[in-house]
Amino acid sequence: MKENLYKLSHYYSIDDEKQSVFIRTSFEPMEMVKIIGAMNFKFEELVDDSECLDETHMVRVLGKFYPVEDVTKTSRELYPYTELDKNEWGMIDVFEFEKDGEQMTVTQIDIYEAREYCCGAGYKELMKAYLPPTKEFENEMMNLADDYPHLKQ
């Protein structure tokens, strides 16, 4: 099964270079978009609908419940090859380049646009189809509230 390298970024991040995360998985881009959208809806449902799920929290949950590997530390050096002006961002941007004699592909997914793409009447069905149906997953999502202290005010 082909492994894909993704950079997950949020359009409204203050420091995209610092906040972006890199993952490796066999999921195809549109599957990742739907998983990201569903995770955001579950976060909004269980924690707060005025806050976005942070990239580092997203990658932690993905790694725990999906066949996803967090490769941020070893892939951070690829960030310059994946930079775009924000006005050029799409929901999915594919970057192909050569580094150290090796052809590489990094697919950037904008977390904000992924969530927006998944909005609509079918969002509950999307959550059923793409989220683990376990209490452990829901507890993990609810526990993220501790990382957003401003929501408790």
N, C-alpha and C. Protein backbone atom coordinates (compact mmCIF):
# COMPACT_ATOMS: atom_id res chain seq x y z
N MET A 1 0.84 -1.18 0.00
CA MET A 1 0.00 0.00 0.00
C MET A 1 0.89 1.25 0.00
N LYS A 2 0.58 2.19 -0.84
CA LYS A 2 1.38 3.40 -0.98
C LYS A 2 1.21 4.30 0.25
N GLU A 3 2.34 4.77 0.74
CA GLU A 3 2.33 5.72 1.85
C GLU A 3 2.36 7.14 1.29
N ASN A 4 1.54 7.99 1.85
CA ASN A 4 1.49 9.39 1.45
C ASN A 4 2.04 10.26 2.57
N LEU A 5 2.77 11.30 2.19
CA LEU A 5 3.30 12.26 3.16
C LEU A 5 2.44 13.51 3.07
N TYR A 6 1.87 13.89 4.21
CA TYR A 6 0.99 15.06 4.28
C TYR A 6 1.57 16.12 5.20
N LYS A 7 1.29 17.36 4.84
CA LYS A 7 1.51 18.49 5.74
C LYS A 7 0.12 19.00 6.08
N LEU A 8 -0.23 19.00 7.36
CA LEU A 8 -1.52 19.53 7.80
C LEU A 8 -1.29 20.93 8.33
N SER A 9 -1.99 21.88 7.74
CA SER A 9 -1.83 23.29 8.10
C SER A 9 -3.21 23.92 8.21
N HIS A 10 -3.29 24.98 8.97
CA HIS A 10 -4.56 25.70 9.13
C HIS A 10 -4.38 27.11 8.56
N TYR A 11 -5.27 27.48 7.66
CA TYR A 11 -5.18 28.77 6.98
C TYR A 11 -5.02 29.93 7.98
N TYR A 12 -5.69 29.84 9.11
CA TYR A 12 -5.67 30.95 10.06
C TYR A 12 -4.60 30.81 11.15
N SER A 13 -3.68 29.88 10.99
CA SER A 13 -2.57 29.78 11.95
C SER A 13 -1.73 31.04 11.91
N ILE A 14 -1.28 31.45 13.06
CA ILE A 14 -0.45 32.65 13.16
C ILE A 14 0.94 32.39 12.58
N ASP A 15 1.51 31.21 12.88
CA ASP A 15 2.84 30.86 12.40
C ASP A 15 2.77 29.48 11.75
N ASP A 16 2.44 29.47 10.48
CA ASP A 16 2.24 28.21 9.76
C ASP A 16 3.47 27.31 9.82
N GLU A 17 4.64 27.89 9.68
CA GLU A 17 5.86 27.07 9.68
C GLU A 17 6.02 26.35 11.01
N LYS A 18 5.72 27.02 12.10
CA LYS A 18 5.86 26.44 13.43
C LYS A 18 4.71 25.48 13.76
N GLN A 19 3.50 25.78 13.30
CA GLN A 19 2.33 25.02 13.72
C GLN A 19 1.96 23.86 12.80
N SER A 20 2.46 23.84 11.58
CA SER A 20 2.14 22.74 10.66
C SER A 20 2.72 21.43 11.19
N VAL A 21 2.03 20.34 10.88
CA VAL A 21 2.50 19.01 11.26
C VAL A 21 2.59 18.15 10.00
N PHE A 22 3.45 17.15 10.06
CA PHE A 22 3.63 16.23 8.94
C PHE A 22 3.25 14.82 9.40
N ILE A 23 2.51 14.12 8.54
CA ILE A 23 2.12 12.74 8.85
C ILE A 23 2.37 11.85 7.64
N ARG A 24 2.50 10.56 7.92
CA ARG A 24 2.62 9.57 6.86
C ARG A 24 1.50 8.55 7.08
N THR A 25 0.78 8.24 6.00
CA THR A 25 -0.34 7.30 6.07
C THR A 25 -0.66 6.79 4.68
N SER A 26 -1.43 5.72 4.63
CA SER A 26 -1.86 5.19 3.33
C SER A 26 -3.19 5.80 2.88
N PHE A 27 -3.81 6.63 3.71
CA PHE A 27 -5.06 7.28 3.32
C PHE A 27 -4.82 8.18 2.11
N GLU A 28 -5.78 8.19 1.21
CA GLU A 28 -5.75 9.08 0.05
C GLU A 28 -6.18 10.48 0.50
N PRO A 29 -5.86 11.51 -0.28
CA PRO A 29 -6.17 12.89 0.14
C PRO A 29 -7.63 13.14 0.52
N MET A 30 -8.57 12.67 -0.27
CA MET A 30 -9.98 12.96 0.07
C MET A 30 -10.43 12.20 1.32
N GLU A 31 -9.84 11.04 1.58
CA GLU A 31 -10.13 10.34 2.83
C GLU A 31 -9.63 11.17 4.01
N MET A 32 -8.43 11.73 3.88
CA MET A 32 -7.88 12.57 4.94
C MET A 32 -8.75 13.80 5.16
N VAL A 33 -9.22 14.40 4.08
CA VAL A 33 -10.10 15.57 4.20
C VAL A 33 -11.34 15.21 5.02
N LYS A 34 -11.93 14.07 4.75
CA LYS A 34 -13.16 13.66 5.45
C LYS A 34 -12.87 13.31 6.91
N ILE A 35 -11.75 12.67 7.17
CA ILE A 35 -11.38 12.37 8.56
C ILE A 35 -11.15 13.67 9.33
N ILE A 36 -10.43 14.60 8.73
CA ILE A 36 -10.16 15.89 9.37
C ILE A 36 -11.46 16.65 9.62
N GLY A 37 -12.34 16.68 8.63
CA GLY A 37 -13.63 17.35 8.81
C GLY A 37 -14.43 16.71 9.94
N ALA A 38 -14.50 15.38 9.95
CA ALA A 38 -15.26 14.67 10.97
C ALA A 38 -14.66 14.90 12.36
N MET A 39 -13.34 14.90 12.46
CA MET A 39 -12.70 15.15 13.76
C MET A 39 -13.02 16.55 14.27
N ASN A 40 -13.03 17.52 13.38
CA ASN A 40 -13.37 18.88 13.80
C ASN A 40 -14.81 18.97 14.28
N PHE A 41 -15.73 18.30 13.59
CA PHE A 41 -17.13 18.32 14.02
C PHE A 41 -17.29 17.67 15.39
N LYS A 42 -16.59 16.56 15.62
CA LYS A 42 -16.67 15.88 16.92
C LYS A 42 -16.10 16.77 18.02
N PHE A 43 -15.00 17.45 17.74
CA PHE A 43 -14.41 18.39 18.70
C PHE A 43 -15.42 19.49 19.02
N GLU A 44 -16.06 20.03 18.00
CA GLU A 44 -17.05 21.09 18.21
C GLU A 44 -18.22 20.58 19.03
N GLU A 45 -18.64 19.36 18.77
CA GLU A 45 -19.77 18.76 19.48
C GLU A 45 -19.44 18.51 20.95
N LEU A 46 -18.25 18.00 21.23
CA LEU A 46 -17.90 17.58 22.58
C LEU A 46 -17.18 18.63 23.41
N VAL A 47 -16.45 19.54 22.75
CA VAL A 47 -15.62 20.50 23.49
C VAL A 47 -16.17 21.91 23.36
N ASP A 48 -16.13 22.46 22.16
CA ASP A 48 -16.60 23.83 21.96
C ASP A 48 -16.67 24.11 20.47
N ASP A 49 -17.77 24.69 20.04
CA ASP A 49 -17.93 24.95 18.60
C ASP A 49 -17.36 26.30 18.18
N SER A 50 -16.73 27.01 19.12
CA SER A 50 -16.13 28.29 18.75
C SER A 50 -14.61 28.17 18.56
N GLU A 51 -14.08 26.98 18.74
CA GLU A 51 -12.64 26.77 18.69
C GLU A 51 -12.29 25.75 17.61
N CYS A 52 -11.11 25.90 17.04
CA CYS A 52 -10.61 24.95 16.05
C CYS A 52 -9.69 23.95 16.73
N LEU A 53 -9.71 22.74 16.26
CA LEU A 53 -8.82 21.70 16.76
C LEU A 53 -7.39 22.02 16.30
N ASP A 54 -6.50 22.20 17.24
CA ASP A 54 -5.11 22.54 16.98
C ASP A 54 -4.40 21.42 16.22
N GLU A 55 -3.46 21.78 15.36
CA GLU A 55 -2.74 20.79 14.54
C GLU A 55 -2.04 19.73 15.40
N THR A 56 -1.41 20.15 16.49
CA THR A 56 -0.69 19.17 17.32
C THR A 56 -1.65 18.20 17.99
N HIS A 57 -2.81 18.68 18.38
CA HIS A 57 -3.81 17.79 18.97
C HIS A 57 -4.38 16.85 17.92
N MET A 58 -4.59 17.38 16.73
CA MET A 58 -5.12 16.55 15.65
C MET A 58 -4.16 15.40 15.34
N VAL A 59 -2.87 15.70 15.23
CA VAL A 59 -1.91 14.66 14.89
C VAL A 59 -1.80 13.63 16.02
N ARG A 60 -1.95 14.07 17.25
CA ARG A 60 -1.92 13.14 18.38
C ARG A 60 -3.09 12.16 18.32
N VAL A 61 -4.28 12.67 18.06
CA VAL A 61 -5.47 11.82 17.98
C VAL A 61 -5.39 10.91 16.75
N LEU A 62 -4.95 11.46 15.63
CA LEU A 62 -4.80 10.64 14.42
C LEU A 62 -3.86 9.46 14.68
N GLY A 63 -2.74 9.73 15.33
CA GLY A 63 -1.76 8.68 15.60
C GLY A 63 -2.26 7.62 16.55
N LYS A 64 -3.17 8.00 17.42
CA LYS A 64 -3.69 7.05 18.41
C LYS A 64 -4.80 6.17 17.86
N PHE A 65 -5.60 6.70 16.93
CA PHE A 65 -6.80 5.98 16.49
C PHE A 65 -6.81 5.59 15.02
N TYR A 66 -5.81 6.00 14.27
CA TYR A 66 -5.76 5.70 12.83
C TYR A 66 -4.36 5.21 12.48
N PRO A 67 -4.22 4.55 11.33
CA PRO A 67 -2.88 4.15 10.89
C PRO A 67 -2.12 5.35 10.31
N VAL A 68 -1.75 6.24 11.21
CA VAL A 68 -1.09 7.50 10.86
C VAL A 68 0.15 7.64 11.73
N GLU A 69 1.25 8.01 11.12
CA GLU A 69 2.50 8.22 11.84
C GLU A 69 2.85 9.71 11.82
N ASP A 70 3.12 10.25 12.98
CA ASP A 70 3.56 11.64 13.09
C ASP A 70 5.04 11.69 12.72
N VAL A 71 5.34 12.34 11.61
CA VAL A 71 6.73 12.46 11.15
C VAL A 71 7.19 13.92 11.13
N THR A 72 6.56 14.72 11.97
CA THR A 72 6.86 16.16 11.99
C THR A 72 8.34 16.43 12.27
N LYS A 73 8.90 15.78 13.26
CA LYS A 73 10.29 16.05 13.63
C LYS A 73 11.25 15.75 12.49
N THR A 74 11.02 14.65 11.78
CA THR A 74 11.95 14.27 10.71
C THR A 74 11.61 14.93 9.38
N SER A 75 10.45 15.55 9.27
CA SER A 75 10.03 16.16 8.00
C SER A 75 9.99 17.68 8.04
N ARG A 76 10.23 18.26 9.19
CA ARG A 76 10.17 19.73 9.32
C ARG A 76 11.05 20.42 8.28
N GLU A 77 12.17 19.80 7.91
CA GLU A 77 13.08 20.39 6.92
C GLU A 77 12.45 20.51 5.54
N LEU A 78 11.32 19.86 5.32
CA LEU A 78 10.64 19.93 4.03
C LEU A 78 9.73 21.15 3.91
N TYR A 79 9.50 21.83 5.02
CA TYR A 79 8.58 22.97 5.00
C TYR A 79 8.89 23.98 3.90
N PRO A 80 10.14 24.40 3.70
CA PRO A 80 10.42 25.40 2.66
C PRO A 80 9.99 24.96 1.25
N TYR A 81 9.95 23.66 1.01
CA TYR A 81 9.52 23.15 -0.30
C TYR A 81 8.00 23.21 -0.47
N THR A 82 7.30 23.50 0.62
CA THR A 82 5.83 23.47 0.60
C THR A 82 5.21 24.81 0.94
N GLU A 83 5.99 25.86 0.88
CA GLU A 83 5.48 27.19 1.20
C GLU A 83 4.69 27.78 0.04
N LEU A 84 3.57 28.35 0.37
CA LEU A 84 2.72 29.07 -0.59
C LEU A 84 2.21 30.33 0.09
N ASP A 85 2.03 31.39 -0.67
CA ASP A 85 1.30 32.54 -0.13
C ASP A 85 -0.10 32.05 0.21
N LYS A 86 -0.63 32.51 1.32
CA LYS A 86 -1.95 32.02 1.76
C LYS A 86 -3.04 32.29 0.73
N ASN A 87 -2.91 33.34 -0.06
CA ASN A 87 -3.94 33.61 -1.07
C ASN A 87 -3.89 32.60 -2.21
N GLU A 88 -2.88 31.73 -2.23
CA GLU A 88 -2.77 30.69 -3.25
C GLU A 88 -3.17 29.31 -2.72
N TRP A 89 -3.48 29.20 -1.43
CA TRP A 89 -3.82 27.92 -0.85
C TRP A 89 -5.11 27.37 -1.43
N GLY A 90 -5.13 26.08 -1.67
CA GLY A 90 -6.35 25.35 -1.95
C GLY A 90 -6.62 24.45 -0.77
N MET A 91 -7.68 23.67 -0.85
CA MET A 91 -7.94 22.71 0.21
C MET A 91 -6.82 21.66 0.22
N ILE A 92 -6.42 21.25 -0.99
CA ILE A 92 -5.34 20.29 -1.16
C ILE A 92 -4.33 20.88 -2.13
N ASP A 93 -3.08 20.94 -1.72
CA ASP A 93 -2.00 21.39 -2.60
C ASP A 93 -0.92 20.32 -2.61
N VAL A 94 -0.49 19.95 -3.81
CA VAL A 94 0.53 18.90 -3.96
C VAL A 94 1.84 19.54 -4.39
N PHE A 95 2.89 19.22 -3.65
CA PHE A 95 4.22 19.74 -3.93
C PHE A 95 5.12 18.58 -4.34
N GLU A 96 5.69 18.67 -5.52
CA GLU A 96 6.64 17.66 -5.99
C GLU A 96 7.98 18.35 -6.18
N PHE A 97 9.02 17.74 -5.64
CA PHE A 97 10.35 18.36 -5.69
C PHE A 97 11.41 17.28 -5.49
N GLU A 98 12.64 17.69 -5.77
CA GLU A 98 13.77 16.79 -5.55
C GLU A 98 14.56 17.29 -4.35
N LYS A 99 14.88 16.37 -3.47
CA LYS A 99 15.70 16.72 -2.30
C LYS A 99 16.73 15.62 -2.11
N ASP A 100 17.98 16.01 -2.09
CA ASP A 100 19.08 15.06 -1.92
C ASP A 100 19.01 13.92 -2.93
N GLY A 101 18.67 14.25 -4.18
CA GLY A 101 18.61 13.27 -5.25
C GLY A 101 17.39 12.38 -5.25
N GLU A 102 16.45 12.64 -4.36
CA GLU A 102 15.24 11.82 -4.25
C GLU A 102 14.01 12.64 -4.63
N GLN A 103 13.16 12.06 -5.49
CA GLN A 103 11.88 12.71 -5.83
C GLN A 103 10.94 12.58 -4.65
N MET A 104 10.34 13.68 -4.26
CA MET A 104 9.45 13.68 -3.11
C MET A 104 8.13 14.33 -3.48
N THR A 105 7.09 13.89 -2.80
CA THR A 105 5.77 14.49 -2.92
C THR A 105 5.23 14.73 -1.52
N VAL A 106 4.82 15.95 -1.26
CA VAL A 106 4.16 16.30 -0.01
C VAL A 106 2.82 16.91 -0.37
N THR A 107 1.77 16.40 0.22
CA THR A 107 0.43 16.91 -0.01
C THR A 107 0.01 17.72 1.20
N GLN A 108 -0.25 19.00 0.98
CA GLN A 108 -0.72 19.87 2.06
C GLN A 108 -2.24 19.85 2.08
N ILE A 109 -2.80 19.68 3.27
CA ILE A 109 -4.25 19.80 3.45
C ILE A 109 -4.49 20.96 4.40
N ASP A 110 -5.33 21.88 3.97
CA ASP A 110 -5.73 23.01 4.81
C ASP A 110 -6.86 22.52 5.71
N ILE A 111 -6.60 22.45 7.00
CA ILE A 111 -7.56 21.95 7.97
C ILE A 111 -8.85 22.77 7.93
N TYR A 112 -8.71 24.07 7.80
CA TYR A 112 -9.89 24.95 7.74
C TYR A 112 -10.77 24.60 6.54
N GLU A 113 -10.16 24.52 5.37
CA GLU A 113 -10.93 24.22 4.15
C GLU A 113 -11.49 22.80 4.17
N ALA A 114 -10.77 21.87 4.79
CA ALA A 114 -11.27 20.49 4.90
C ALA A 114 -12.56 20.48 5.71
N ARG A 115 -12.58 21.21 6.81
CA ARG A 115 -13.79 21.29 7.63
C ARG A 115 -14.93 21.94 6.85
N GLU A 116 -14.63 23.05 6.18
CA GLU A 116 -15.66 23.75 5.42
C GLU A 116 -16.22 22.86 4.30
N TYR A 117 -15.36 22.11 3.64
CA TYR A 117 -15.78 21.22 2.56
C TYR A 117 -16.78 20.18 3.08
N CYS A 118 -16.58 19.74 4.31
CA CYS A 118 -17.41 18.67 4.88
C CYS A 118 -18.69 19.19 5.53
N CYS A 119 -18.87 20.50 5.60
CA CYS A 119 -20.08 21.07 6.21
C CYS A 119 -21.31 20.69 5.41
N GLY A 120 -22.42 20.70 6.08
CA GLY A 120 -23.68 20.46 5.39
C GLY A 120 -24.53 19.46 6.14
N ALA A 121 -25.65 19.13 5.55
CA ALA A 121 -26.63 18.27 6.21
C ALA A 121 -26.09 16.88 6.53
N GLY A 122 -25.09 16.41 5.80
CA GLY A 122 -24.59 15.06 6.00
C GLY A 122 -23.44 14.94 6.98
N TYR A 123 -23.20 15.96 7.80
CA TYR A 123 -22.02 15.92 8.66
C TYR A 123 -22.10 14.82 9.72
N LYS A 124 -23.30 14.49 10.20
CA LYS A 124 -23.41 13.41 11.20
C LYS A 124 -23.10 12.06 10.59
N GLU A 125 -23.53 11.85 9.34
CA GLU A 125 -23.20 10.60 8.65
C GLU A 125 -21.70 10.52 8.39
N LEU A 126 -21.10 11.66 8.09
CA LEU A 126 -19.65 11.71 7.88
C LEU A 126 -18.92 11.28 9.16
N MET A 127 -19.37 11.77 10.30
CA MET A 127 -18.74 11.39 11.56
C MET A 127 -18.90 9.89 11.81
N LYS A 128 -20.08 9.34 11.52
CA LYS A 128 -20.29 7.90 11.71
C LYS A 128 -19.37 7.09 10.80
N ALA A 129 -19.17 7.57 9.59
CA ALA A 129 -18.37 6.82 8.61
C ALA A 129 -16.87 6.93 8.85
N TYR A 130 -16.40 8.04 9.40
CA TYR A 130 -14.95 8.28 9.44
C TYR A 130 -14.34 8.37 10.84
N LEU A 131 -15.14 8.28 11.88
CA LEU A 131 -14.59 8.34 13.24
C LEU A 131 -14.71 6.99 13.93
N PRO A 132 -13.77 6.66 14.80
CA PRO A 132 -13.88 5.41 15.56
C PRO A 132 -15.12 5.48 16.46
N PRO A 133 -15.95 4.44 16.45
CA PRO A 133 -17.19 4.46 17.24
C PRO A 133 -16.95 3.98 18.67
N THR A 134 -15.93 4.53 19.32
CA THR A 134 -15.58 4.04 20.66
C THR A 134 -15.68 5.15 21.69
N LYS A 135 -15.93 4.74 22.92
CA LYS A 135 -15.95 5.69 24.03
C LYS A 135 -14.55 6.25 24.26
N GLU A 136 -13.53 5.43 24.00
CA GLU A 136 -12.14 5.87 24.16
C GLU A 136 -11.85 7.07 23.26
N PHE A 137 -12.35 7.02 22.02
CA PHE A 137 -12.14 8.13 21.10
C PHE A 137 -12.85 9.39 21.61
N GLU A 138 -14.10 9.24 22.04
CA GLU A 138 -14.83 10.40 22.55
C GLU A 138 -14.15 10.98 23.79
N ASN A 139 -13.67 10.11 24.67
CA ASN A 139 -12.97 10.59 25.87
C ASN A 139 -11.70 11.35 25.49
N GLU A 140 -10.98 10.82 24.51
CA GLU A 140 -9.75 11.50 24.05
C GLU A 140 -10.09 12.91 23.53
N MET A 141 -11.15 13.01 22.76
CA MET A 141 -11.56 14.31 22.23
C MET A 141 -11.99 15.25 23.37
N MET A 142 -12.77 14.74 24.32
CA MET A 142 -13.22 15.58 25.44
C MET A 142 -12.05 16.03 26.30
N ASN A 143 -11.06 15.16 26.47
CA ASN A 143 -9.89 15.52 27.29
C ASN A 143 -9.06 16.64 26.67
N LEU A 144 -9.23 16.87 25.37
CA LEU A 144 -8.51 17.97 24.72
C LEU A 144 -8.92 19.32 25.29
N ALA A 145 -10.10 19.40 25.90
CA ALA A 145 -10.57 20.66 26.48
C ALA A 145 -9.56 21.21 27.48
N ASP A 146 -8.82 20.32 28.15
CA ASP A 146 -7.82 20.77 29.12
C ASP A 146 -6.72 21.61 28.47
N ASP A 147 -6.51 21.43 27.18
CA ASP A 147 -5.48 22.18 26.45
C ASP A 147 -5.99 23.52 25.92
N TYR A 148 -7.24 23.83 26.20
CA TYR A 148 -7.84 25.09 25.75
C TYR A 148 -8.42 25.80 26.98
N PRO A 149 -7.56 26.26 27.90
CA PRO A 149 -8.04 26.83 29.16
C PRO A 149 -8.95 28.04 29.00
N HIS A 150 -8.79 28.78 27.93
CA HIS A 150 -9.62 29.96 27.72
C HIS A 150 -11.09 29.60 27.49
N LEU A 151 -11.38 28.34 27.16
CA LEU A 151 -12.76 27.92 26.95
C LEU A 151 -13.50 27.75 28.27
N LYS A 152 -12.77 27.65 29.37
CA LYS A 152 -13.37 27.40 30.68
C LYS A 152 -13.72 28.68 31.42
N GLN A 153 -13.47 29.81 30.82
CA GLN A 153 -13.70 31.08 31.51
C GLN A 153 -15.16 31.47 31.46
